[in-house]
Every structure is written in structure tokens, then in C-alpha cells.
Amino acid sequence: MAEKLDLTSAITAPSVTDYRVSRLLLDWDGARIAVGLKGPNGELRTEGYTGAAATNLMVTLNKANLSTTSLHKRVLNQLVADGKLPAGTVSGTPD
């Protein structure tokens, strides 16, 4: 099972209890990151970064040791830390 973010509080209408990364765009030339997220009922959500924030995050991700923490987990945790997703914990195993 792929990693997902288990939300501390469900999002209602419809109830969304988790998100998983379904798409990740790293646009170095355009200084843009787009993260496509999918909920348990097929709900789609896109979050992202632009400008210096995107470039700095891409540099950090590019230099990261992904053998200890996966790319998806890093992205999900960053979205939570930046307030783009509600609080939760990442569960599951990397694909």
C-alpha cells in the first residue's frame, strides 16, 4: 500500500479521512511544484508552491536521503507543516 496522510480530523462533505500523492510536478524552470492528492473516495485536490519557496523545496528534496524517509512522506509532511493540509500522520509503506 502506498503512503498516505491519515488526517487527525476528517474533512466532511464527503468525509475525507486521508490523502495520497497521485501526481508530483517539479518545474525547475518555472519555479513551481504542483502536488496532486487523491482522497479515499476519489476526491482530487491540488496544492503547490511557486517562486523561491518552490525552488528551495526542490533543492531540499533533490538532496534528501530517500532511503530513510520517502519522497511521498516528505511531501505530505511538508504540506502539513506549511498548513496546506490539515494535521495528520503518514502511514503505509512506499511503493
N, C-alpha and C. Protein backbone atom coordinates (compact mmCIF):
# COMPACT_ATOMS: atom_id res chain seq x y z
N MET A 1 0.85 -1.17 0.00
CA MET A 1 0.00 0.00 0.00
C MET A 1 0.90 1.23 0.00
N ALA A 2 0.57 2.22 -0.79
CA ALA A 2 1.32 3.46 -0.84
C ALA A 2 1.13 4.26 0.44
N GLU A 3 2.06 5.15 0.71
CA GLU A 3 1.93 6.00 1.88
C GLU A 3 0.78 6.97 1.71
N LYS A 4 0.16 7.32 2.81
CA LYS A 4 -0.96 8.27 2.80
C LYS A 4 -0.91 9.06 4.09
N LEU A 5 -1.57 10.19 4.11
CA LEU A 5 -1.68 11.03 5.30
C LEU A 5 -3.01 10.73 5.96
N ASP A 6 -3.00 10.16 7.16
CA ASP A 6 -4.21 9.90 7.93
C ASP A 6 -4.53 11.17 8.72
N LEU A 7 -5.63 11.82 8.38
CA LEU A 7 -5.99 13.10 8.99
C LEU A 7 -6.44 12.94 10.43
N THR A 8 -6.04 13.87 11.28
CA THR A 8 -6.46 13.87 12.67
C THR A 8 -7.96 14.11 12.77
N SER A 9 -8.47 15.03 11.95
CA SER A 9 -9.90 15.32 11.88
C SER A 9 -10.35 15.17 10.43
N ALA A 10 -11.41 14.42 10.21
CA ALA A 10 -11.91 14.17 8.85
C ALA A 10 -12.47 15.45 8.23
N ILE A 11 -12.28 15.58 6.94
CA ILE A 11 -12.89 16.66 6.18
C ILE A 11 -14.26 16.16 5.75
N THR A 12 -15.29 16.95 5.93
CA THR A 12 -16.65 16.50 5.63
C THR A 12 -17.10 16.90 4.23
N ALA A 13 -18.19 16.28 3.80
CA ALA A 13 -18.91 16.55 2.54
C ALA A 13 -18.08 16.32 1.29
N PRO A 14 -17.80 15.13 0.89
CA PRO A 14 -17.92 13.89 1.65
C PRO A 14 -16.78 13.78 2.66
N SER A 15 -16.91 12.85 3.57
CA SER A 15 -15.90 12.66 4.60
C SER A 15 -14.57 12.24 3.95
N VAL A 16 -13.53 13.03 4.19
CA VAL A 16 -12.20 12.71 3.69
C VAL A 16 -11.33 12.42 4.89
N THR A 17 -10.83 11.18 4.97
CA THR A 17 -10.03 10.77 6.12
C THR A 17 -8.55 10.65 5.80
N ASP A 18 -8.18 10.66 4.52
CA ASP A 18 -6.77 10.58 4.17
C ASP A 18 -6.54 11.09 2.75
N TYR A 19 -5.29 11.39 2.45
CA TYR A 19 -4.86 11.76 1.10
C TYR A 19 -3.61 10.99 0.75
N ARG A 20 -3.45 10.69 -0.53
CA ARG A 20 -2.19 10.12 -1.01
C ARG A 20 -1.73 10.95 -2.20
N VAL A 21 -0.42 10.95 -2.43
CA VAL A 21 0.13 11.67 -3.57
C VAL A 21 -0.20 10.89 -4.83
N SER A 22 -0.87 11.53 -5.78
CA SER A 22 -1.17 10.87 -7.05
C SER A 22 -0.37 11.48 -8.20
N ARG A 23 0.15 12.70 -7.98
CA ARG A 23 0.91 13.39 -9.03
C ARG A 23 1.86 14.36 -8.35
N LEU A 24 3.08 14.45 -8.90
CA LEU A 24 4.05 15.39 -8.36
C LEU A 24 4.81 16.02 -9.52
N LEU A 25 4.63 17.33 -9.69
CA LEU A 25 5.30 18.07 -10.76
C LEU A 25 6.36 18.96 -10.14
N LEU A 26 7.61 18.78 -10.58
CA LEU A 26 8.72 19.64 -10.16
C LEU A 26 9.16 20.41 -11.39
N ASP A 27 8.76 21.64 -11.48
CA ASP A 27 9.06 22.50 -12.63
C ASP A 27 10.20 23.45 -12.25
N TRP A 28 11.43 23.01 -12.52
CA TRP A 28 12.60 23.80 -12.13
C TRP A 28 12.64 25.13 -12.87
N ASP A 29 12.42 25.11 -14.18
CA ASP A 29 12.50 26.34 -14.97
C ASP A 29 11.40 27.34 -14.58
N GLY A 30 10.23 26.83 -14.26
CA GLY A 30 9.11 27.70 -13.90
C GLY A 30 9.03 27.98 -12.41
N ALA A 31 9.96 27.43 -11.62
CA ALA A 31 9.97 27.58 -10.15
C ALA A 31 8.59 27.28 -9.57
N ARG A 32 8.13 26.03 -9.84
CA ARG A 32 6.78 25.65 -9.43
C ARG A 32 6.75 24.18 -9.04
N ILE A 33 6.02 23.87 -7.98
CA ILE A 33 5.74 22.50 -7.58
C ILE A 33 4.23 22.36 -7.53
N ALA A 34 3.70 21.32 -8.14
CA ALA A 34 2.27 21.00 -8.04
C ALA A 34 2.15 19.59 -7.50
N VAL A 35 1.37 19.43 -6.44
CA VAL A 35 1.16 18.12 -5.83
C VAL A 35 -0.31 17.75 -6.02
N GLY A 36 -0.56 16.69 -6.76
CA GLY A 36 -1.90 16.17 -6.93
C GLY A 36 -2.18 15.16 -5.83
N LEU A 37 -3.26 15.36 -5.10
CA LEU A 37 -3.62 14.49 -3.98
C LEU A 37 -4.96 13.81 -4.29
N LYS A 38 -5.10 12.59 -3.80
CA LYS A 38 -6.35 11.85 -4.02
C LYS A 38 -6.84 11.32 -2.68
N GLY A 39 -8.13 11.53 -2.40
CA GLY A 39 -8.77 11.04 -1.18
C GLY A 39 -9.31 9.63 -1.38
N PRO A 40 -9.85 9.04 -0.32
CA PRO A 40 -10.32 7.65 -0.37
C PRO A 40 -11.53 7.43 -1.28
N ASN A 41 -12.29 8.48 -1.57
CA ASN A 41 -13.46 8.36 -2.44
C ASN A 41 -13.19 8.92 -3.83
N GLY A 42 -11.90 9.10 -4.16
CA GLY A 42 -11.53 9.64 -5.46
C GLY A 42 -11.49 11.15 -5.52
N GLU A 43 -11.65 11.83 -4.35
CA GLU A 43 -11.59 13.28 -4.32
C GLU A 43 -10.20 13.73 -4.76
N LEU A 44 -10.15 14.73 -5.62
CA LEU A 44 -8.89 15.27 -6.09
C LEU A 44 -8.65 16.64 -5.49
N ARG A 45 -7.41 16.90 -5.16
CA ARG A 45 -7.02 18.19 -4.59
C ARG A 45 -5.61 18.49 -5.08
N THR A 46 -5.35 19.73 -5.39
CA THR A 46 -4.01 20.13 -5.82
C THR A 46 -3.50 21.22 -4.89
N GLU A 47 -2.29 21.04 -4.42
CA GLU A 47 -1.60 22.03 -3.61
C GLU A 47 -0.25 22.27 -4.25
N GLY A 48 0.38 23.38 -3.90
CA GLY A 48 1.67 23.62 -4.51
C GLY A 48 2.43 24.79 -3.94
N TYR A 49 3.54 25.04 -4.59
CA TYR A 49 4.46 26.10 -4.21
C TYR A 49 4.93 26.80 -5.48
N THR A 50 5.27 28.07 -5.38
CA THR A 50 5.81 28.82 -6.50
C THR A 50 6.98 29.68 -6.03
N GLY A 51 7.75 30.15 -6.99
CA GLY A 51 8.85 31.07 -6.69
C GLY A 51 9.94 30.46 -5.85
N ALA A 52 10.51 31.29 -4.98
CA ALA A 52 11.64 30.86 -4.15
C ALA A 52 11.26 29.69 -3.24
N ALA A 53 10.03 29.67 -2.75
CA ALA A 53 9.59 28.56 -1.89
C ALA A 53 9.66 27.24 -2.65
N ALA A 54 9.24 27.25 -3.91
CA ALA A 54 9.29 26.04 -4.73
C ALA A 54 10.73 25.64 -5.00
N THR A 55 11.55 26.58 -5.39
CA THR A 55 12.95 26.28 -5.69
C THR A 55 13.67 25.74 -4.46
N ASN A 56 13.48 26.38 -3.32
CA ASN A 56 14.13 25.91 -2.09
C ASN A 56 13.67 24.50 -1.71
N LEU A 57 12.39 24.22 -1.86
CA LEU A 57 11.89 22.88 -1.55
C LEU A 57 12.42 21.85 -2.54
N MET A 58 12.51 22.21 -3.82
CA MET A 58 13.05 21.26 -4.81
C MET A 58 14.51 20.95 -4.52
N VAL A 59 15.29 21.95 -4.12
CA VAL A 59 16.69 21.71 -3.76
C VAL A 59 16.76 20.77 -2.57
N THR A 60 15.94 21.02 -1.56
CA THR A 60 15.91 20.15 -0.37
C THR A 60 15.53 18.73 -0.75
N LEU A 61 14.49 18.56 -1.57
CA LEU A 61 14.06 17.22 -1.99
C LEU A 61 15.13 16.53 -2.83
N ASN A 62 15.80 17.30 -3.67
CA ASN A 62 16.83 16.73 -4.55
C ASN A 62 18.01 16.20 -3.74
N LYS A 63 18.31 16.82 -2.62
CA LYS A 63 19.45 16.43 -1.79
C LYS A 63 19.07 15.44 -0.69
N ALA A 64 17.80 15.12 -0.56
CA ALA A 64 17.32 14.29 0.55
C ALA A 64 17.77 12.84 0.42
N ASN A 65 18.00 12.22 1.56
CA ASN A 65 18.29 10.79 1.63
C ASN A 65 16.95 10.06 1.68
N LEU A 66 16.51 9.57 0.55
CA LEU A 66 15.18 8.95 0.46
C LEU A 66 15.16 7.50 0.95
N SER A 67 16.30 6.99 1.41
CA SER A 67 16.31 5.63 1.94
C SER A 67 15.77 5.61 3.38
N THR A 68 15.74 6.76 4.04
CA THR A 68 15.22 6.80 5.40
C THR A 68 13.80 7.34 5.47
N THR A 69 13.48 8.32 4.65
CA THR A 69 12.13 8.88 4.57
C THR A 69 11.81 9.07 3.09
N SER A 70 10.72 8.49 2.62
CA SER A 70 10.38 8.50 1.20
C SER A 70 10.00 9.90 0.70
N LEU A 71 10.02 10.06 -0.60
CA LEU A 71 9.65 11.32 -1.23
C LEU A 71 8.20 11.69 -0.90
N HIS A 72 7.29 10.72 -1.02
CA HIS A 72 5.88 11.00 -0.73
C HIS A 72 5.68 11.43 0.71
N LYS A 73 6.33 10.75 1.64
CA LYS A 73 6.20 11.10 3.05
C LYS A 73 6.74 12.51 3.29
N ARG A 74 7.88 12.84 2.69
CA ARG A 74 8.44 14.18 2.84
C ARG A 74 7.47 15.24 2.31
N VAL A 75 6.89 14.98 1.15
CA VAL A 75 5.96 15.94 0.54
C VAL A 75 4.71 16.09 1.41
N LEU A 76 4.12 14.99 1.85
CA LEU A 76 2.93 15.07 2.70
C LEU A 76 3.22 15.82 4.00
N ASN A 77 4.33 15.51 4.64
CA ASN A 77 4.68 16.19 5.89
C ASN A 77 4.93 17.68 5.66
N GLN A 78 5.53 18.04 4.53
CA GLN A 78 5.77 19.44 4.23
C GLN A 78 4.46 20.19 4.02
N LEU A 79 3.51 19.56 3.32
CA LEU A 79 2.21 20.19 3.11
C LEU A 79 1.50 20.43 4.43
N VAL A 80 1.61 19.49 5.36
CA VAL A 80 1.01 19.67 6.68
C VAL A 80 1.74 20.78 7.43
N ALA A 81 3.07 20.76 7.42
CA ALA A 81 3.86 21.77 8.15
C ALA A 81 3.56 23.18 7.65
N ASP A 82 3.28 23.30 6.35
CA ASP A 82 3.00 24.61 5.77
C ASP A 82 1.53 25.00 5.83
N GLY A 83 0.70 24.17 6.46
CA GLY A 83 -0.72 24.48 6.62
C GLY A 83 -1.55 24.27 5.36
N LYS A 84 -1.01 23.58 4.38
CA LYS A 84 -1.74 23.34 3.13
C LYS A 84 -2.65 22.11 3.26
N LEU A 85 -2.36 21.24 4.22
CA LEU A 85 -3.20 20.10 4.56
C LEU A 85 -3.43 20.11 6.07
N PRO A 86 -4.57 19.57 6.52
CA PRO A 86 -4.80 19.50 7.96
C PRO A 86 -3.84 18.52 8.63
N ALA A 87 -3.74 18.60 9.93
CA ALA A 87 -2.84 17.74 10.70
C ALA A 87 -3.16 16.27 10.49
N GLY A 88 -2.14 15.45 10.54
CA GLY A 88 -2.30 14.01 10.42
C GLY A 88 -0.95 13.33 10.50
N THR A 89 -0.96 12.02 10.37
CA THR A 89 0.27 11.24 10.36
C THR A 89 0.33 10.43 9.08
N VAL A 90 1.54 10.21 8.59
CA VAL A 90 1.73 9.44 7.37
C VAL A 90 1.85 7.97 7.73
N SER A 91 1.06 7.13 7.07
CA SER A 91 1.10 5.69 7.31
C SER A 91 1.27 4.97 5.99
N GLY A 92 1.52 3.67 6.07
CA GLY A 92 1.69 2.87 4.86
C GLY A 92 3.16 2.71 4.52
N THR A 93 3.42 2.00 3.45
CA THR A 93 4.80 1.76 3.01
C THR A 93 4.98 2.30 1.60
N PRO A 94 6.19 2.77 1.30
CA PRO A 94 6.43 3.32 -0.05
C PRO A 94 6.23 2.26 -1.13
N ASP A 95 5.75 2.70 -2.29
CA ASP A 95 5.62 1.81 -3.45
C ASP A 95 6.91 1.81 -4.22
